[in-house]
PDB file of all heavy atoms in Angstrom:
ATOM      1  N   ASN A   1      15.002  -5.137  -7.210  1.00  0.00           N
ATOM      2  CA  ASN A   1      14.963  -4.318  -8.413  1.00  0.00           C
ATOM      3  C   ASN A   1      13.514  -4.218  -9.020  1.00  0.00           C
ATOM      4  O   ASN A   1      13.106  -3.118  -9.387  1.00  0.00           O
ATOM      5  CB  ASN A   1      15.906  -4.902  -9.448  1.00  0.00           C
ATOM      6  CG  ASN A   1      17.343  -4.808  -9.086  1.00  0.00           C
ATOM      7  OD1 ASN A   1      17.732  -4.051  -8.154  1.00  0.00           O
ATOM      8  ND2 ASN A   1      18.251  -5.579  -9.797  1.00  0.00           N
ATOM      9  N   THR A   2      12.822  -5.302  -9.035  1.00  0.00           N
ATOM     10  CA  THR A   2      11.480  -5.280  -9.548  1.00  0.00           C
ATOM     11  C   THR A   2      10.530  -4.458  -8.623  1.00  0.00           C
ATOM     12  O   THR A   2       9.634  -3.698  -9.083  1.00  0.00           O
ATOM     13  CB  THR A   2      10.899  -6.722  -9.747  1.00  0.00           C
ATOM     14  OG1 THR A   2      11.858  -7.437 -10.546  1.00  0.00           O
ATOM     15  CG2 THR A   2       9.520  -6.720 -10.366  1.00  0.00           C
ATOM     16  N   PHE A   3      10.715  -4.662  -7.278  1.00  0.00           N
ATOM     17  CA  PHE A   3       9.971  -3.870  -6.346  1.00  0.00           C
ATOM     18  C   PHE A   3      10.199  -2.367  -6.546  1.00  0.00           C
ATOM     19  O   PHE A   3       9.258  -1.606  -6.538  1.00  0.00           O
ATOM     20  CB  PHE A   3      10.443  -4.294  -4.899  1.00  0.00           C
ATOM     21  CG  PHE A   3       9.923  -3.397  -3.835  1.00  0.00           C
ATOM     22  CD1 PHE A   3       8.577  -3.560  -3.336  1.00  0.00           C
ATOM     23  CD2 PHE A   3      10.683  -2.452  -3.247  1.00  0.00           C
ATOM     24  CE1 PHE A   3       8.129  -2.734  -2.355  1.00  0.00           C
ATOM     25  CE2 PHE A   3      10.239  -1.578  -2.220  1.00  0.00           C
ATOM     26  CZ  PHE A   3       8.908  -1.759  -1.786  1.00  0.00           C
ATOM     27  N   THR A   4      11.409  -2.037  -6.865  1.00  0.00           N
ATOM     28  CA  THR A   4      11.763  -0.610  -7.102  1.00  0.00           C
ATOM     29  C   THR A   4      10.987  -0.067  -8.319  1.00  0.00           C
ATOM     30  O   THR A   4      10.355   1.011  -8.163  1.00  0.00           O
ATOM     31  CB  THR A   4      13.345  -0.456  -7.370  1.00  0.00           C
ATOM     32  OG1 THR A   4      13.998  -0.891  -6.192  1.00  0.00           O
ATOM     33  CG2 THR A   4      13.642   0.930  -7.764  1.00  0.00           C
ATOM     34  N   LYS A   5      10.991  -0.772  -9.390  1.00  0.00           N
ATOM     35  CA  LYS A   5      10.303  -0.314 -10.614  1.00  0.00           C
ATOM     36  C   LYS A   5       8.807  -0.240 -10.383  1.00  0.00           C
ATOM     37  O   LYS A   5       8.142   0.686 -10.836  1.00  0.00           O
ATOM     38  CB  LYS A   5      10.580  -1.258 -11.788  1.00  0.00           C
ATOM     39  CG  LYS A   5      12.027  -1.226 -12.219  1.00  0.00           C
ATOM     40  CD  LYS A   5      12.279  -2.200 -13.394  1.00  0.00           C
ATOM     41  CE  LYS A   5      13.739  -2.097 -13.833  1.00  0.00           C
ATOM     42  NZ  LYS A   5      13.966  -2.995 -15.023  1.00  0.00           N
ATOM     43  N   ALA A   6       8.214  -1.192  -9.690  1.00  0.00           N
ATOM     44  CA  ALA A   6       6.785  -1.197  -9.488  1.00  0.00           C
ATOM     45  C   ALA A   6       6.369  -0.087  -8.550  1.00  0.00           C
ATOM     46  O   ALA A   6       5.358   0.644  -8.815  1.00  0.00           O
ATOM     47  CB  ALA A   6       6.361  -2.554  -8.866  1.00  0.00           C
ATOM     48  N   LEU A   7       7.072   0.024  -7.433  1.00  0.00           N
ATOM     49  CA  LEU A   7       6.752   1.088  -6.465  1.00  0.00           C
ATOM     50  C   LEU A   7       6.968   2.500  -7.086  1.00  0.00           C
ATOM     51  O   LEU A   7       6.115   3.370  -6.827  1.00  0.00           O
ATOM     52  CB  LEU A   7       7.656   1.003  -5.204  1.00  0.00           C
ATOM     53  CG  LEU A   7       7.309   1.934  -4.072  1.00  0.00           C
ATOM     54  CD1 LEU A   7       5.930   1.712  -3.504  1.00  0.00           C
ATOM     55  CD2 LEU A   7       8.358   1.820  -2.931  1.00  0.00           C
ATOM     56  N   ALA A   8       7.969   2.652  -7.958  1.00  0.00           N
ATOM     57  CA  ALA A   8       8.160   3.954  -8.604  1.00  0.00           C
ATOM     58  C   ALA A   8       6.985   4.357  -9.445  1.00  0.00           C
ATOM     59  O   ALA A   8       6.570   5.504  -9.404  1.00  0.00           O
ATOM     60  CB  ALA A   8       9.449   3.856  -9.418  1.00  0.00           C
ATOM     61  N   LYS A   9       6.447   3.359 -10.174  1.00  0.00           N
ATOM     62  CA  LYS A   9       5.277   3.714 -11.011  1.00  0.00           C
ATOM     63  C   LYS A   9       4.044   4.060 -10.132  1.00  0.00           C
ATOM     64  O   LYS A   9       3.265   4.964 -10.525  1.00  0.00           O
ATOM     65  CB  LYS A   9       4.980   2.498 -11.888  1.00  0.00           C
ATOM     66  CG  LYS A   9       6.027   2.229 -12.929  1.00  0.00           C
ATOM     67  CD  LYS A   9       5.822   0.944 -13.694  1.00  0.00           C
ATOM     68  CE  LYS A   9       6.934   0.722 -14.657  1.00  0.00           C
ATOM     69  NZ  LYS A   9       6.746  -0.584 -15.452  1.00  0.00           N
ATOM     70  N   GLU A  10       3.894   3.404  -9.041  1.00  0.00           N
ATOM     71  CA  GLU A  10       2.811   3.694  -8.148  1.00  0.00           C
ATOM     72  C   GLU A  10       2.940   5.104  -7.461  1.00  0.00           C
ATOM     73  O   GLU A  10       1.914   5.732  -7.266  1.00  0.00           O
ATOM     74  CB  GLU A  10       2.767   2.645  -7.044  1.00  0.00           C
ATOM     75  CG  GLU A  10       1.450   2.560  -6.194  1.00  0.00           C
ATOM     76  CD  GLU A  10       1.396   1.333  -5.363  1.00  0.00           C
ATOM     77  OE1 GLU A  10       1.463   0.229  -5.958  1.00  0.00           O
ATOM     78  OE2 GLU A  10       1.318   1.481  -4.150  1.00  0.00           O
ATOM     79  N   LEU A  11       4.122   5.458  -7.227  1.00  0.00           N
ATOM     80  CA  LEU A  11       4.368   6.743  -6.508  1.00  0.00           C
ATOM     81  C   LEU A  11       4.652   7.986  -7.369  1.00  0.00           C
ATOM     82  O   LEU A  11       4.688   9.106  -6.875  1.00  0.00           O
ATOM     83  CB  LEU A  11       5.517   6.583  -5.475  1.00  0.00           C
ATOM     84  CG  LEU A  11       5.215   5.534  -4.385  1.00  0.00           C
ATOM     85  CD1 LEU A  11       6.463   5.407  -3.476  1.00  0.00           C
ATOM     86  CD2 LEU A  11       3.974   5.837  -3.557  1.00  0.00           C
ATOM     87  N   ALA A  12       4.906   7.748  -8.648  1.00  0.00           N
ATOM     88  CA  ALA A  12       5.268   8.821  -9.527  1.00  0.00           C
ATOM     89  C   ALA A  12       4.229   9.924  -9.550  1.00  0.00           C
ATOM     90  O   ALA A  12       4.605  11.182  -9.534  1.00  0.00           O
ATOM     91  CB  ALA A  12       5.455   8.315 -10.923  1.00  0.00           C
ATOM     92  N   PRO A  13       2.894   9.696  -9.495  1.00  0.00           N
ATOM     93  CA  PRO A  13       1.908  10.779  -9.462  1.00  0.00           C
ATOM     94  C   PRO A  13       2.049  11.662  -8.162  1.00  0.00           C
ATOM     95  O   PRO A  13       1.572  12.775  -8.196  1.00  0.00           O
ATOM     96  CB  PRO A  13       0.602  10.021  -9.534  1.00  0.00           C
ATOM     97  CG  PRO A  13       0.883   8.768 -10.143  1.00  0.00           C
ATOM     98  CD  PRO A  13       2.218   8.384  -9.675  1.00  0.00           C
ATOM     99  N   SER A  14       2.723  11.160  -7.169  1.00  0.00           N
ATOM    100  CA  SER A  14       2.879  11.941  -5.934  1.00  0.00           C
ATOM    101  C   SER A  14       4.222  12.576  -5.875  1.00  0.00           C
ATOM    102  O   SER A  14       4.619  13.074  -4.780  1.00  0.00           O
ATOM    103  CB  SER A  14       2.710  10.965  -4.674  1.00  0.00           C
ATOM    104  OG  SER A  14       1.427  10.430  -4.647  1.00  0.00           O
ATOM    105  N   ASN A  15       4.949  12.650  -6.975  1.00  0.00           N
ATOM    106  CA  ASN A  15       6.261  13.304  -7.034  1.00  0.00           C
ATOM    107  C   ASN A  15       7.334  12.641  -6.111  1.00  0.00           C
ATOM    108  O   ASN A  15       8.122  13.288  -5.565  1.00  0.00           O
ATOM    109  CB  ASN A  15       6.140  14.791  -6.663  1.00  0.00           C
ATOM    110  CG  ASN A  15       7.425  15.608  -7.053  1.00  0.00           C
ATOM    111  OD1 ASN A  15       8.031  15.337  -8.056  1.00  0.00           O
ATOM    112  ND2 ASN A  15       7.723  16.505  -6.155  1.00  0.00           N
ATOM    113  N   ILE A  16       7.193  11.347  -6.036  1.00  0.00           N
ATOM    114  CA  ILE A  16       8.172  10.538  -5.284  1.00  0.00           C
ATOM    115  C   ILE A  16       8.952   9.663  -6.199  1.00  0.00           C
ATOM    116  O   ILE A  16       8.343   8.968  -7.046  1.00  0.00           O
ATOM    117  CB  ILE A  16       7.421   9.641  -4.194  1.00  0.00           C
ATOM    118  CG1 ILE A  16       6.691  10.575  -3.212  1.00  0.00           C
ATOM    119  CG2 ILE A  16       8.483   8.800  -3.451  1.00  0.00           C
ATOM    120  CD1 ILE A  16       5.701   9.794  -2.364  1.00  0.00           C
ATOM    121  N   HIS A  17      10.245   9.804  -6.159  1.00  0.00           N
ATOM    122  CA  HIS A  17      11.128   9.083  -7.099  1.00  0.00           C
ATOM    123  C   HIS A  17      11.771   7.861  -6.358  1.00  0.00           C
ATOM    124  O   HIS A  17      12.252   8.004  -5.316  1.00  0.00           O
ATOM    125  CB  HIS A  17      12.216   9.976  -7.610  1.00  0.00           C
ATOM    126  CG  HIS A  17      11.687  11.330  -8.099  1.00  0.00           C
ATOM    127  ND1 HIS A  17      12.017  12.513  -7.470  1.00  0.00           N
ATOM    128  CD2 HIS A  17      10.858  11.641  -9.131  1.00  0.00           C
ATOM    129  CE1 HIS A  17      11.396  13.501  -8.157  1.00  0.00           C
ATOM    130  NE2 HIS A  17      10.700  12.951  -9.114  1.00  0.00           N
ATOM    131  N   VAL A  18      11.745   6.723  -7.090  1.00  0.00           N
ATOM    132  CA  VAL A  18      12.231   5.500  -6.436  1.00  0.00           C
ATOM    133  C   VAL A  18      13.130   4.851  -7.485  1.00  0.00           C
ATOM    134  O   VAL A  18      12.861   4.546  -8.630  1.00  0.00           O
ATOM    135  CB  VAL A  18      11.145   4.450  -6.182  1.00  0.00           C
ATOM    136  CG1 VAL A  18      11.713   3.306  -5.343  1.00  0.00           C
ATOM    137  CG2 VAL A  18      10.003   5.104  -5.434  1.00  0.00           C
ATOM    138  N   ASN A  19      14.450   4.782  -7.149  1.00  0.00           N
ATOM    139  CA  ASN A  19      15.507   4.178  -8.022  1.00  0.00           C
ATOM    140  C   ASN A  19      16.411   3.183  -7.214  1.00  0.00           C
ATOM    141  O   ASN A  19      16.462   3.273  -6.000  1.00  0.00           O
ATOM    142  CB  ASN A  19      16.306   5.321  -8.587  1.00  0.00           C
ATOM    143  CG  ASN A  19      15.533   6.243  -9.519  1.00  0.00           C
ATOM    144  OD1 ASN A  19      15.078   5.841 -10.616  1.00  0.00           O
ATOM    145  ND2 ASN A  19      15.291   7.462  -9.056  1.00  0.00           N
ATOM    146  N   ALA A  20      17.106   2.384  -7.964  1.00  0.00           N
ATOM    147  CA  ALA A  20      18.017   1.471  -7.351  1.00  0.00           C
ATOM    148  C   ALA A  20      19.407   1.611  -8.011  1.00  0.00           C
ATOM    149  O   ALA A  20      19.504   1.842  -9.216  1.00  0.00           O
ATOM    150  CB  ALA A  20      17.539   0.024  -7.481  1.00  0.00           C
ATOM    151  N   ILE A  21      20.452   1.391  -7.201  1.00  0.00           N
ATOM    152  CA  ILE A  21      21.820   1.364  -7.704  1.00  0.00           C
ATOM    153  C   ILE A  21      22.277  -0.091  -7.610  1.00  0.00           C
ATOM    154  O   ILE A  21      22.368  -0.722  -6.497  1.00  0.00           O
ATOM    155  CB  ILE A  21      22.713   2.251  -6.881  1.00  0.00           C
ATOM    156  CG1 ILE A  21      22.243   3.701  -6.931  1.00  0.00           C
ATOM    157  CG2 ILE A  21      24.184   2.161  -7.388  1.00  0.00           C
ATOM    158  CD1 ILE A  21      22.972   4.668  -6.037  1.00  0.00           C
ATOM    159  N   ALA A  22      22.528  -0.661  -8.761  1.00  0.00           N
ATOM    160  CA  ALA A  22      23.065  -2.046  -8.835  1.00  0.00           C
ATOM    161  C   ALA A  22      24.592  -2.001  -8.756  1.00  0.00           C
ATOM    162  O   ALA A  22      25.228  -1.829  -9.786  1.00  0.00           O
ATOM    163  CB  ALA A  22      22.525  -2.746 -10.132  1.00  0.00           C
ATOM    164  N   CYS A  23      25.123  -2.190  -7.613  1.00  0.00           N
ATOM    165  CA  CYS A  23      26.550  -2.052  -7.384  1.00  0.00           C
ATOM    166  C   CYS A  23      27.284  -3.339  -7.867  1.00  0.00           C
ATOM    167  O   CYS A  23      26.773  -4.436  -7.799  1.00  0.00           O
ATOM    168  CB  CYS A  23      26.868  -1.932  -5.922  1.00  0.00           C
ATOM    169  SG  CYS A  23      26.349  -0.359  -5.177  1.00  0.00           S
ATOM    170  N   GLY A  24      28.409  -3.109  -8.470  1.00  0.00           N
ATOM    171  CA  GLY A  24      29.407  -4.159  -8.781  1.00  0.00           C
ATOM    172  C   GLY A  24      30.235  -4.465  -7.587  1.00  0.00           C
ATOM    173  O   GLY A  24      29.745  -4.444  -6.447  1.00  0.00           O
ATOM    174  N   MET A  25      31.500  -4.751  -7.784  1.00  0.00           N
ATOM    175  CA  MET A  25      32.396  -5.059  -6.670  1.00  0.00           C
ATOM    176  C   MET A  25      32.793  -3.779  -5.955  1.00  0.00           C
ATOM    177  O   MET A  25      33.389  -2.850  -6.639  1.00  0.00           O
ATOM    178  CB  MET A  25      33.622  -5.749  -7.175  1.00  0.00           C
ATOM    179  CG  MET A  25      34.625  -6.082  -6.075  1.00  0.00           C
ATOM    180  SD  MET A  25      33.984  -7.259  -4.897  1.00  0.00           S
ATOM    181  CE  MET A  25      34.538  -8.846  -5.559  1.00  0.00           C
ATOM    182  N   ILE A  26      32.460  -3.656  -4.723  1.00  0.00           N
ATOM    183  CA  ILE A  26      32.762  -2.492  -3.898  1.00  0.00           C
ATOM    184  C   ILE A  26      33.680  -2.996  -2.703  1.00  0.00           C
ATOM    185  O   ILE A  26      33.443  -4.060  -2.188  1.00  0.00           O
ATOM    186  CB  ILE A  26      31.500  -1.827  -3.343  1.00  0.00           C
ATOM    187  CG1 ILE A  26      30.472  -1.569  -4.402  1.00  0.00           C
ATOM    188  CG2 ILE A  26      31.900  -0.527  -2.652  1.00  0.00           C
ATOM    189  CD1 ILE A  26      30.863  -0.675  -5.521  1.00  0.00           C
ATOM    190  N   ASP A  27      34.647  -2.204  -2.381  1.00  0.00           N
ATOM    191  CA  ASP A  27      35.592  -2.615  -1.324  1.00  0.00           C
ATOM    192  C   ASP A  27      34.944  -2.476   0.104  1.00  0.00           C
ATOM    193  O   ASP A  27      35.225  -1.485   0.788  1.00  0.00           O
ATOM    194  CB  ASP A  27      36.898  -1.817  -1.381  1.00  0.00           C
ATOM    195  CG  ASP A  27      37.974  -2.367  -0.549  1.00  0.00           C
ATOM    196  OD1 ASP A  27      37.874  -3.507  -0.062  1.00  0.00           O
ATOM    197  OD2 ASP A  27      38.956  -1.608  -0.347  1.00  0.00           O
ATOM    198  N   THR A  28      34.144  -3.467   0.502  1.00  0.00           N
ATOM    199  CA  THR A  28      33.479  -3.439   1.814  1.00  0.00           C
ATOM    200  C   THR A  28      33.756  -4.665   2.549  1.00  0.00           C
ATOM    201  O   THR A  28      34.288  -5.665   2.021  1.00  0.00           O
ATOM    202  CB  THR A  28      31.956  -3.227   1.575  1.00  0.00           C
ATOM    203  OG1 THR A  28      31.402  -4.413   0.962  1.00  0.00           O
ATOM    204  CG2 THR A  28      31.574  -2.047   0.789  1.00  0.00           C
ATOM    205  N   ASP A  29      33.287  -4.697   3.831  1.00  0.00           N
ATOM    206  CA  ASP A  29      33.421  -5.865   4.693  1.00  0.00           C
ATOM    207  C   ASP A  29      32.631  -7.047   4.019  1.00  0.00           C
ATOM    208  O   ASP A  29      32.992  -8.193   4.280  1.00  0.00           O
ATOM    209  CB  ASP A  29      32.884  -5.629   6.086  1.00  0.00           C
ATOM    210  CG  ASP A  29      33.776  -4.721   6.851  1.00  0.00           C
ATOM    211  OD1 ASP A  29      34.876  -4.474   6.399  1.00  0.00           O
ATOM    212  OD2 ASP A  29      33.330  -4.205   7.902  1.00  0.00           O
ATOM    213  N   MET A  30      31.563  -6.782   3.273  1.00  0.00           N
ATOM    214  CA  MET A  30      30.794  -7.872   2.738  1.00  0.00           C
ATOM    215  C   MET A  30      31.623  -8.745   1.818  1.00  0.00           C
ATOM    216  O   MET A  30      31.392  -9.934   1.593  1.00  0.00           O
ATOM    217  CB  MET A  30      29.541  -7.308   1.981  1.00  0.00           C
ATOM    218  CG  MET A  30      28.647  -8.376   1.394  1.00  0.00           C
ATOM    219  SD  MET A  30      27.180  -7.720   0.459  1.00  0.00           S
ATOM    220  CE  MET A  30      26.229  -7.103   1.801  1.00  0.00           C
ATOM    221  N   ASN A  31      32.670  -8.112   1.184  1.00  0.00           N
ATOM    222  CA  ASN A  31      33.536  -8.779   0.238  1.00  0.00           C
ATOM    223  C   ASN A  31      34.822  -9.287   0.852  1.00  0.00           C
ATOM    224  O   ASN A  31      35.790  -9.607   0.210  1.00  0.00           O
ATOM    225  CB  ASN A  31      33.793  -7.952  -0.976  1.00  0.00           C
ATOM    226  CG  ASN A  31      32.512  -7.762  -1.825  1.00  0.00           C
ATOM    227  OD1 ASN A  31      31.801  -8.668  -2.057  1.00  0.00           O
ATOM    228  ND2 ASN A  31      32.345  -6.554  -2.261  1.00  0.00           N
ATOM    229  N   ALA A  32      34.836  -9.232   2.222  1.00  0.00           N
ATOM    230  CA  ALA A  32      36.066  -9.687   2.936  1.00  0.00           C
ATOM    231  C   ALA A  32      36.351 -11.186   2.776  1.00  0.00           C
ATOM    232  O   ALA A  32      37.500 -11.587   2.994  1.00  0.00           O
ATOM    233  CB  ALA A  32      36.005  -9.327   4.401  1.00  0.00           C
ATOM    234  N   CYS A  33      35.383 -11.889   2.283  1.00  0.00           N
ATOM    235  CA  CYS A  33      35.529 -13.328   2.036  1.00  0.00           C
ATOM    236  C   CYS A  33      36.540 -13.591   0.845  1.00  0.00           C
ATOM    237  O   CYS A  33      37.040 -14.691   0.736  1.00  0.00           O
ATOM    238  CB  CYS A  33      34.240 -14.042   1.838  1.00  0.00           C
ATOM    239  SG  CYS A  33      33.338 -13.407   0.434  1.00  0.00           S
ATOM    240  N   PHE A  34      36.681 -12.574   0.038  1.00  0.00           N
ATOM    241  CA  PHE A  34      37.619 -12.747  -1.119  1.00  0.00           C
ATOM    242  C   PHE A  34      39.060 -12.347  -0.735  1.00  0.00           C
ATOM    243  O   PHE A  34      39.281 -11.369  -0.035  1.00  0.00           O
ATOM    244  CB  PHE A  34      37.120 -11.858  -2.248  1.00  0.00           C
ATOM    245  CG  PHE A  34      35.783 -12.222  -2.821  1.00  0.00           C
ATOM    246  CD1 PHE A  34      34.631 -11.477  -2.461  1.00  0.00           C
ATOM    247  CD2 PHE A  34      35.637 -13.293  -3.619  1.00  0.00           C
ATOM    248  CE1 PHE A  34      33.396 -11.851  -2.974  1.00  0.00           C
ATOM    249  CE2 PHE A  34      34.387 -13.668  -4.113  1.00  0.00           C
ATOM    250  CZ  PHE A  34      33.249 -12.950  -3.751  1.00  0.00           C
ATOM    251  N   SER A  35      39.995 -13.196  -1.169  1.00  0.00           N
ATOM    252  CA  SER A  35      41.373 -12.922  -0.899  1.00  0.00           C
ATOM    253  C   SER A  35      41.831 -11.759  -1.818  1.00  0.00           C
ATOM    254  O   SER A  35      41.157 -11.321  -2.725  1.00  0.00           O
ATOM    255  CB  SER A  35      42.190 -14.151  -1.191  1.00  0.00           C
ATOM    256  OG  SER A  35      42.230 -14.414  -2.555  1.00  0.00           O
ATOM    257  N   ALA A  36      43.046 -11.225  -1.538  1.00  0.00           N
ATOM    258  CA  ALA A  36      43.625 -10.144  -2.277  1.00  0.00           C
ATOM    259  C   ALA A  36      43.836 -10.629  -3.727  1.00  0.00           C
ATOM    260  O   ALA A  36      43.638  -9.885  -4.677  1.00  0.00           O
ATOM    261  CB  ALA A  36      44.948  -9.730  -1.670  1.00  0.00           C
ATOM    262  N   GLU A  37      44.194 -11.919  -3.852  1.00  0.00           N
ATOM    263  CA  GLU A  37      44.387 -12.492  -5.199  1.00  0.00           C
ATOM    264  C   GLU A  37      43.088 -12.504  -5.979  1.00  0.00           C
ATOM    265  O   GLU A  37      43.009 -12.226  -7.138  1.00  0.00           O
ATOM    266  CB  GLU A  37      45.005 -13.874  -5.140  1.00  0.00           C
ATOM    267  CG  GLU A  37      46.456 -13.897  -4.638  1.00  0.00           C
ATOM    268  CD  GLU A  37      46.587 -13.710  -3.143  1.00  0.00           C
ATOM    269  OE1 GLU A  37      45.528 -13.807  -2.438  1.00  0.00           O
ATOM    270  OE2 GLU A  37      47.690 -13.456  -2.662  1.00  0.00           O
ATOM    271  N   ASP A  38      41.983 -12.887  -5.233  1.00  0.00           N
ATOM    272  CA  ASP A  38      40.645 -12.945  -5.877  1.00  0.00           C
ATOM    273  C   ASP A  38      40.257 -11.521  -6.306  1.00  0.00           C
ATOM    274  O   ASP A  38      39.715 -11.384  -7.449  1.00  0.00           O
ATOM    275  CB  ASP A  38      39.647 -13.457  -4.861  1.00  0.00           C
ATOM    276  CG  ASP A  38      39.798 -14.964  -4.572  1.00  0.00           C
ATOM    277  OD1 ASP A  38      40.388 -15.675  -5.356  1.00  0.00           O
ATOM    278  OD2 ASP A  38      39.320 -15.393  -3.496  1.00  0.00           O
ATOM    279  N   LYS A  39      40.520 -10.557  -5.484  1.00  0.00           N
ATOM    280  CA  LYS A  39      40.100  -9.175  -5.810  1.00  0.00           C
ATOM    281  C   LYS A  39      40.911  -8.699  -6.976  1.00  0.00           C
ATOM    282  O   LYS A  39      40.353  -7.944  -7.841  1.00  0.00           O
ATOM    283  CB  LYS A  39      40.267  -8.272  -4.577  1.00  0.00           C
ATOM    284  CG  LYS A  39      39.267  -8.534  -3.460  1.00  0.00           C
ATOM    285  CD  LYS A  39      39.476  -7.580  -2.289  1.00  0.00           C
ATOM    286  CE  LYS A  39      38.466  -7.883  -1.191  1.00  0.00           C
ATOM    287  NZ  LYS A  39      38.669  -6.986   0.004  1.00  0.00           N
ATOM    288  N   ASP A  40      42.141  -9.023  -7.071  1.00  0.00           N
ATOM    289  CA  ASP A  40      43.003  -8.587  -8.226  1.00  0.00           C
ATOM    290  C   ASP A  40      42.438  -9.225  -9.465  1.00  0.00           C
ATOM    291  O   ASP A  40      42.394  -8.553 -10.511  1.00  0.00           O
ATOM    292  CB  ASP A  40      44.454  -8.979  -7.989  1.00  0.00           C
ATOM    293  CG  ASP A  40      45.157  -8.194  -6.869  1.00  0.00           C
ATOM    294  OD1 ASP A  40      44.611  -7.063  -6.583  1.00  0.00           O
ATOM    295  OD2 ASP A  40      46.231  -8.577  -6.412  1.00  0.00           O
ATOM    296  N   ALA A  41      42.038 -10.492  -9.408  1.00  0.00           N
ATOM    297  CA  ALA A  41      41.535 -11.136 -10.612  1.00  0.00           C
ATOM    298  C   ALA A  41      40.187 -10.489 -11.057  1.00  0.00           C
ATOM    299  O   ALA A  41      39.975 -10.337 -12.228  1.00  0.00           O
ATOM    300  CB  ALA A  41      41.320 -12.619 -10.274  1.00  0.00           C
ATOM    301  N   ILE A  42      39.354 -10.156 -10.122  1.00  0.00           N
ATOM    302  CA  ILE A  42      38.077  -9.467 -10.395  1.00  0.00           C
ATOM    303  C   ILE A  42      38.385  -8.124 -11.000  1.00  0.00           C
ATOM    304  O   ILE A  42      37.720  -7.724 -12.027  1.00  0.00           O
ATOM    305  CB  ILE A  42      37.237  -9.331  -9.148  1.00  0.00           C
ATOM    306  CG1 ILE A  42      36.700 -10.743  -8.719  1.00  0.00           C
ATOM    307  CG2 ILE A  42      36.009  -8.464  -9.439  1.00  0.00           C
ATOM    308  CD1 ILE A  42      36.058 -10.753  -7.402  1.00  0.00           C
TER     309      ILE A  42
END
């Protein structure tokens, strides 16, 4: 996130936009470690 903000400031004069999306809980394989009950609670 900090890298994003710093690089964005460096590149703004060149009309290059740098942003980040801070995702919450998304239904992906990365979260397969959570049980169905865990996901319901979240």
